[in-house]
């Protein structure tokens, strides 16, 4: 299943109801933070419904269910409702393309790959490095997306034809770029 198909399937499964990262992540590879950043979902941070209250598909089988039943810490932002854009993106591919084009991480990935092909590990470091430098300079860096977030963005960019990603070798490059030696991984500054 492509990244866009996984995203549309997850959005369609939520519909007018409540979605949960504890099934969107393992079933579709989609963290709630990505859905939020794409403008497709609003994480629920107060009055978070219990799993049984919204008919979660994993009631009785999810190890995280107890967190919601007992109202434990760590549940805020894990469940979400779709925005109108999220409902549109479930069936309208152009809505997803527009959301992806506005995503800062997508622009960062494309800028990094403009310097040459990279392994997924080197690409991850290229994205982390400016954040580490900001910390070293005493600045507040933007949060670094999780590996699942990066992987989902790469899958969506590949589906849009913006990148070529060989998951077997872990090499990512821009379309039309000749396969060669991946750009070397830079040593951390300082």
C-alpha atoms as a PDB file:
ATOM      1  CA  UNK A   1       0.000   0.000   0.000  1.00  0.00           C
ATOM      2  CA  UNK A   2       1.387   3.412  -0.909  1.00  0.00           C
ATOM      3  CA  UNK A   3       1.757   6.213   1.623  1.00  0.00           C
ATOM      4  CA  UNK A   4      -1.166   8.102   0.101  1.00  0.00           C
ATOM      5  CA  UNK A   5      -3.340   4.978   0.101  1.00  0.00           C
ATOM      6  CA  UNK A   6      -2.471   4.326   3.754  1.00  0.00           C
ATOM      7  CA  UNK A   7      -3.305   7.907   4.625  1.00  0.00           C
ATOM      8  CA  UNK A   8      -6.623   7.854   2.772  1.00  0.00           C
ATOM      9  CA  UNK A   9      -7.491   4.492   4.376  1.00  0.00           C
ATOM     10  CA  UNK A  10      -6.766   5.858   7.863  1.00  0.00           C
ATOM     11  CA  UNK A  11      -8.784   9.021   7.207  1.00  0.00           C
ATOM     12  CA  UNK A  12     -11.690   7.014   5.806  1.00  0.00           C
ATOM     13  CA  UNK A  13     -11.604   4.692   8.845  1.00  0.00           C
ATOM     14  CA  UNK A  14     -11.939   7.703  11.163  1.00  0.00           C
ATOM     15  CA  UNK A  15     -14.718   9.360   9.163  1.00  0.00           C
ATOM     16  CA  UNK A  16     -16.824  11.509  11.494  1.00  0.00           C
ATOM     17  CA  UNK A  17     -15.575   9.656  14.557  1.00  0.00           C
ATOM     18  CA  UNK A  18     -12.431   9.539  16.652  1.00  0.00           C
ATOM     19  CA  UNK A  19      -9.096   8.179  15.490  1.00  0.00           C
ATOM     20  CA  UNK A  20      -6.264   6.960  17.681  1.00  0.00           C
ATOM     21  CA  UNK A  21      -2.519   6.892  17.115  1.00  0.00           C
ATOM     22  CA  UNK A  22      -2.445   3.460  18.718  1.00  0.00           C
ATOM     23  CA  UNK A  23      -4.009   2.097  15.520  1.00  0.00           C
ATOM     24  CA  UNK A  24      -3.028   4.694  12.887  1.00  0.00           C
ATOM     25  CA  UNK A  25       0.663   4.163  13.643  1.00  0.00           C
ATOM     26  CA  UNK A  26       0.854   0.338  13.572  1.00  0.00           C
ATOM     27  CA  UNK A  27      -1.825  -0.143  10.894  1.00  0.00           C
ATOM     28  CA  UNK A  28      -0.942   2.758   8.586  1.00  0.00           C
ATOM     29  CA  UNK A  29       2.429   4.154   9.733  1.00  0.00           C
ATOM     30  CA  UNK A  30       0.852   7.517  10.577  1.00  0.00           C
ATOM     31  CA  UNK A  31       1.629   9.432  13.765  1.00  0.00           C
ATOM     32  CA  UNK A  32      -0.980  11.934  14.958  1.00  0.00           C
ATOM     33  CA  UNK A  33       1.630  14.720  14.789  1.00  0.00           C
ATOM     34  CA  UNK A  34       1.857  14.273  11.012  1.00  0.00           C
ATOM     35  CA  UNK A  35      -1.911  14.310  10.588  1.00  0.00           C
ATOM     36  CA  UNK A  36      -1.985  17.509  12.677  1.00  0.00           C
ATOM     37  CA  UNK A  37       0.881  19.139  10.762  1.00  0.00           C
ATOM     38  CA  UNK A  38      -0.783  18.317   7.451  1.00  0.00           C
ATOM     39  CA  UNK A  39      -3.894  20.093   8.773  1.00  0.00           C
ATOM     40  CA  UNK A  40      -5.933  16.899   8.495  1.00  0.00           C
ATOM     41  CA  UNK A  41      -6.628  16.238  12.178  1.00  0.00           C
ATOM     42  CA  UNK A  42      -7.114  18.012  15.499  1.00  0.00           C
ATOM     43  CA  UNK A  43      -5.587  16.088  18.400  1.00  0.00           C
ATOM     44  CA  UNK A  44      -7.896  15.762  21.392  1.00  0.00           C
ATOM     45  CA  UNK A  45      -6.210  17.151  24.496  1.00  0.00           C
ATOM     46  CA  UNK A  46      -9.135  17.524  26.906  1.00  0.00           C
ATOM     47  CA  UNK A  47     -12.162  15.341  27.592  1.00  0.00           C
ATOM     48  CA  UNK A  48     -10.397  12.468  25.860  1.00  0.00           C
ATOM     49  CA  UNK A  49     -12.854   9.669  25.166  1.00  0.00           C
ATOM     50  CA  UNK A  50     -12.241   6.177  26.417  1.00  0.00           C
ATOM     51  CA  UNK A  51     -11.743   3.575  23.722  1.00  0.00           C
ATOM     52  CA  UNK A  52     -15.147   1.944  24.255  1.00  0.00           C
ATOM     53  CA  UNK A  53     -16.856   5.351  24.040  1.00  0.00           C
ATOM     54  CA  UNK A  54     -15.850   5.833  20.421  1.00  0.00           C
ATOM     55  CA  UNK A  55     -15.971   2.225  19.262  1.00  0.00           C
ATOM     56  CA  UNK A  56     -12.234   1.722  18.819  1.00  0.00           C
ATOM     57  CA  UNK A  57     -11.466  -1.247  16.623  1.00  0.00           C
ATOM     58  CA  UNK A  58      -9.008  -2.606  19.227  1.00  0.00           C
ATOM     59  CA  UNK A  59     -11.184  -2.475  22.359  1.00  0.00           C
ATOM     60  CA  UNK A  60     -10.086  -5.321  24.580  1.00  0.00           C
ATOM     61  CA  UNK A  61      -6.934  -5.969  22.567  1.00  0.00           C
ATOM     62  CA  UNK A  62      -4.939  -2.741  22.794  1.00  0.00           C
ATOM     63  CA  UNK A  63      -2.319  -2.595  25.547  1.00  0.00           C
ATOM     64  CA  UNK A  64      -2.804   1.206  25.698  1.00  0.00           C
ATOM     65  CA  UNK A  65      -6.521   0.953  26.477  1.00  0.00           C
ATOM     66  CA  UNK A  66      -5.848   0.993  30.220  1.00  0.00           C
ATOM     67  CA  UNK A  67      -4.218   4.445  29.874  1.00  0.00           C
ATOM     68  CA  UNK A  68      -7.528   5.844  28.630  1.00  0.00           C
ATOM     69  CA  UNK A  69      -9.745   3.812  30.980  1.00  0.00           C
ATOM     70  CA  UNK A  70      -7.824   4.998  34.052  1.00  0.00           C
ATOM     71  CA  UNK A  71      -7.216   8.527  32.747  1.00  0.00           C
ATOM     72  CA  UNK A  72      -3.448   8.154  33.054  1.00  0.00           C
ATOM     73  CA  UNK A  73      -0.874  10.658  31.842  1.00  0.00           C
ATOM     74  CA  UNK A  74       0.245  10.325  28.236  1.00  0.00           C
ATOM     75  CA  UNK A  75      -3.154  10.145  26.579  1.00  0.00           C
ATOM     76  CA  UNK A  76      -3.519  13.791  25.488  1.00  0.00           C
ATOM     77  CA  UNK A  77      -2.947  14.208  21.778  1.00  0.00           C
ATOM     78  CA  UNK A  78      -3.076  10.487  20.962  1.00  0.00           C
ATOM     79  CA  UNK A  79      -6.698  10.581  19.808  1.00  0.00           C
ATOM     80  CA  UNK A  80      -7.987  12.976  17.194  1.00  0.00           C
ATOM     81  CA  UNK A  81     -10.877  14.142  15.071  1.00  0.00           C
ATOM     82  CA  UNK A  82     -10.536  14.979  11.397  1.00  0.00           C
ATOM     83  CA  UNK A  83     -10.666  18.548  10.186  1.00  0.00           C
ATOM     84  CA  UNK A  84     -12.805  19.353   7.130  1.00  0.00           C
ATOM     85  CA  UNK A  85      -9.547  19.150   5.134  1.00  0.00           C
ATOM     86  CA  UNK A  86      -8.916  15.692   6.567  1.00  0.00           C
ATOM     87  CA  UNK A  87     -12.354  14.535   5.534  1.00  0.00           C
ATOM     88  CA  UNK A  88     -11.760  15.932   2.020  1.00  0.00           C
ATOM     89  CA  UNK A  89      -8.304  14.324   1.758  1.00  0.00           C
ATOM     90  CA  UNK A  90      -9.848  10.907   2.432  1.00  0.00           C
ATOM     91  CA  UNK A  91     -11.268  10.945  -1.090  1.00  0.00           C
ATOM     92  CA  UNK A  92      -9.720  13.935  -2.880  1.00  0.00           C
ATOM     93  CA  UNK A  93      -5.996  13.472  -3.727  1.00  0.00           C
ATOM     94  CA  UNK A  94      -5.430  17.158  -4.571  1.00  0.00           C
ATOM     95  CA  UNK A  95      -6.237  18.086  -0.962  1.00  0.00           C
ATOM     96  CA  UNK A  96      -3.455  15.792   0.224  1.00  0.00           C
ATOM     97  CA  UNK A  97      -0.977  17.169  -2.337  1.00  0.00           C
ATOM     98  CA  UNK A  98      -1.627  20.733  -1.163  1.00  0.00           C
ATOM     99  CA  UNK A  99      -1.206  19.780   2.499  1.00  0.00           C
ATOM    100  CA  UNK A 100       2.054  17.943   1.767  1.00  0.00           C
ATOM    101  CA  UNK A 101       3.427  20.888  -0.225  1.00  0.00           C
ATOM    102  CA  UNK A 102       2.908  23.135   2.825  1.00  0.00           C
ATOM    103  CA  UNK A 103       4.622  20.750   5.257  1.00  0.00           C
ATOM    104  CA  UNK A 104       7.959  22.150   6.511  1.00  0.00           C
ATOM    105  CA  UNK A 105       9.577  18.700   6.781  1.00  0.00           C
ATOM    106  CA  UNK A 106       8.751  17.991   3.125  1.00  0.00           C
ATOM    107  CA  UNK A 107      10.588  21.181   2.122  1.00  0.00           C
ATOM    108  CA  UNK A 108      13.524  20.240   4.383  1.00  0.00           C
ATOM    109  CA  UNK A 109      13.746  16.762   2.798  1.00  0.00           C
ATOM    110  CA  UNK A 110      13.684  18.169  -0.737  1.00  0.00           C
ATOM    111  CA  UNK A 111      16.344  20.765   0.150  1.00  0.00           C
ATOM    112  CA  UNK A 112      18.566  18.068   1.676  1.00  0.00           C
ATOM    113  CA  UNK A 113      18.195  15.835  -1.381  1.00  0.00           C
ATOM    114  CA  UNK A 114      19.014  18.725  -3.706  1.00  0.00           C
ATOM    115  CA  UNK A 115      22.601  18.260  -2.467  1.00  0.00           C
ATOM    116  CA  UNK A 116      22.605  14.643  -3.675  1.00  0.00           C
ATOM    117  CA  UNK A 117      21.220  11.241  -2.880  1.00  0.00           C
ATOM    118  CA  UNK A 118      21.425  10.050   0.701  1.00  0.00           C
ATOM    119  CA  UNK A 119      20.715   6.967   2.700  1.00  0.00           C
ATOM    120  CA  UNK A 120      17.727   7.328   4.980  1.00  0.00           C
ATOM    121  CA  UNK A 121      20.132   7.407   7.949  1.00  0.00           C
ATOM    122  CA  UNK A 122      22.244  10.205   6.444  1.00  0.00           C
ATOM    123  CA  UNK A 123      19.059  12.083   5.545  1.00  0.00           C
ATOM    124  CA  UNK A 124      17.814  11.766   9.124  1.00  0.00           C
ATOM    125  CA  UNK A 125      21.120  13.188  10.400  1.00  0.00           C
ATOM    126  CA  UNK A 126      20.938  16.021   7.844  1.00  0.00           C
ATOM    127  CA  UNK A 127      17.551  16.929   9.324  1.00  0.00           C
ATOM    128  CA  UNK A 128      18.715  16.579  12.941  1.00  0.00           C
ATOM    129  CA  UNK A 129      21.991  18.484  12.526  1.00  0.00           C
ATOM    130  CA  UNK A 130      20.515  22.023  12.393  1.00  0.00           C
ATOM    131  CA  UNK A 131      18.487  21.269  15.512  1.00  0.00           C
ATOM    132  CA  UNK A 132      21.597  20.093  17.347  1.00  0.00           C
ATOM    133  CA  UNK A 133      23.425  23.253  16.231  1.00  0.00           C
ATOM    134  CA  UNK A 134      20.544  25.383  17.517  1.00  0.00           C
ATOM    135  CA  UNK A 135      20.756  23.661  20.897  1.00  0.00           C
ATOM    136  CA  UNK A 136      24.519  24.212  21.001  1.00  0.00           C
ATOM    137  CA  UNK A 137      23.930  27.904  20.308  1.00  0.00           C
ATOM    138  CA  UNK A 138      21.446  28.117  23.184  1.00  0.00           C
ATOM    139  CA  UNK A 139      18.468  28.485  20.855  1.00  0.00           C
ATOM    140  CA  UNK A 140      15.190  26.621  20.981  1.00  0.00           C
ATOM    141  CA  UNK A 141      15.167  24.269  17.980  1.00  0.00           C
ATOM    142  CA  UNK A 142      12.018  23.140  16.263  1.00  0.00           C
ATOM    143  CA  UNK A 143      10.994  19.646  17.363  1.00  0.00           C
ATOM    144  CA  UNK A 144      12.473  16.772  15.413  1.00  0.00           C
ATOM    145  CA  UNK A 145       9.838  14.530  13.906  1.00  0.00           C
ATOM    146  CA  UNK A 146       9.912  10.863  14.860  1.00  0.00           C
ATOM    147  CA  UNK A 147      11.236   8.180  12.511  1.00  0.00           C
ATOM    148  CA  UNK A 148       7.653   7.149  11.782  1.00  0.00           C
ATOM    149  CA  UNK A 149       6.837  10.760  10.846  1.00  0.00           C
ATOM    150  CA  UNK A 150       9.852  10.979   8.506  1.00  0.00           C
ATOM    151  CA  UNK A 151       9.060   7.583   6.978  1.00  0.00           C
ATOM    152  CA  UNK A 152       5.440   8.618   6.305  1.00  0.00           C
ATOM    153  CA  UNK A 153       6.567  11.916   4.740  1.00  0.00           C
ATOM    154  CA  UNK A 154       9.043  10.052   2.520  1.00  0.00           C
ATOM    155  CA  UNK A 155       6.291   7.663   1.413  1.00  0.00           C
ATOM    156  CA  UNK A 156       3.970  10.571   0.598  1.00  0.00           C
ATOM    157  CA  UNK A 157       6.697  12.449  -1.296  1.00  0.00           C
ATOM    158  CA  UNK A 158       7.468   9.273  -3.253  1.00  0.00           C
ATOM    159  CA  UNK A 159       3.786   8.881  -4.119  1.00  0.00           C
ATOM    160  CA  UNK A 160       3.733  12.471  -5.403  1.00  0.00           C
ATOM    161  CA  UNK A 161       6.761  11.732  -7.596  1.00  0.00           C
ATOM    162  CA  UNK A 162       8.871  14.285  -5.694  1.00  0.00           C
ATOM    163  CA  UNK A 163      11.502  11.727  -4.609  1.00  0.00           C
ATOM    164  CA  UNK A 164      12.723   8.246  -5.440  1.00  0.00           C
ATOM    165  CA  UNK A 165      13.116   6.002  -2.399  1.00  0.00           C
ATOM    166  CA  UNK A 166      14.537   2.515  -2.661  1.00  0.00           C
ATOM    167  CA  UNK A 167      13.412   0.954   0.598  1.00  0.00           C
ATOM    168  CA  UNK A 168      15.595  -2.104  -0.042  1.00  0.00           C
ATOM    169  CA  UNK A 169      18.839  -0.101  -0.030  1.00  0.00           C
ATOM    170  CA  UNK A 170      17.537   2.817   2.028  1.00  0.00           C
ATOM    171  CA  UNK A 171      18.702   5.304  -0.616  1.00  0.00           C
ATOM    172  CA  UNK A 172      16.635   8.418  -1.325  1.00  0.00           C
ATOM    173  CA  UNK A 173      17.158  10.877  -4.180  1.00  0.00           C
ATOM    174  CA  UNK A 174      15.368  13.357  -6.386  1.00  0.00           C
ATOM    175  CA  UNK A 175      13.818  12.071  -9.632  1.00  0.00           C
ATOM    176  CA  UNK A 176      16.176  12.135 -12.591  1.00  0.00           C
ATOM    177  CA  UNK A 177      19.229  12.067 -10.354  1.00  0.00           C
ATOM    178  CA  UNK A 178      21.649   9.398 -11.464  1.00  0.00           C
ATOM    179  CA  UNK A 179      22.306   6.730  -8.860  1.00  0.00           C
ATOM    180  CA  UNK A 180      25.817   7.082  -7.602  1.00  0.00           C
ATOM    181  CA  UNK A 181      27.526   7.196  -4.291  1.00  0.00           C
ATOM    182  CA  UNK A 182      25.351   8.569  -1.529  1.00  0.00           C
ATOM    183  CA  UNK A 183      26.387  11.922  -0.125  1.00  0.00           C
ATOM    184  CA  UNK A 184      28.743  11.320   2.796  1.00  0.00           C
ATOM    185  CA  UNK A 185      27.362  11.623   6.299  1.00  0.00           C
ATOM    186  CA  UNK A 186      28.793  14.701   7.958  1.00  0.00           C
ATOM    187  CA  UNK A 187      30.325  14.493  11.381  1.00  0.00           C
ATOM    188  CA  UNK A 188      28.486  16.380  14.121  1.00  0.00           C
ATOM    189  CA  UNK A 189      29.671  19.960  14.571  1.00  0.00           C
ATOM    190  CA  UNK A 190      31.575  20.795  17.747  1.00  0.00           C
END
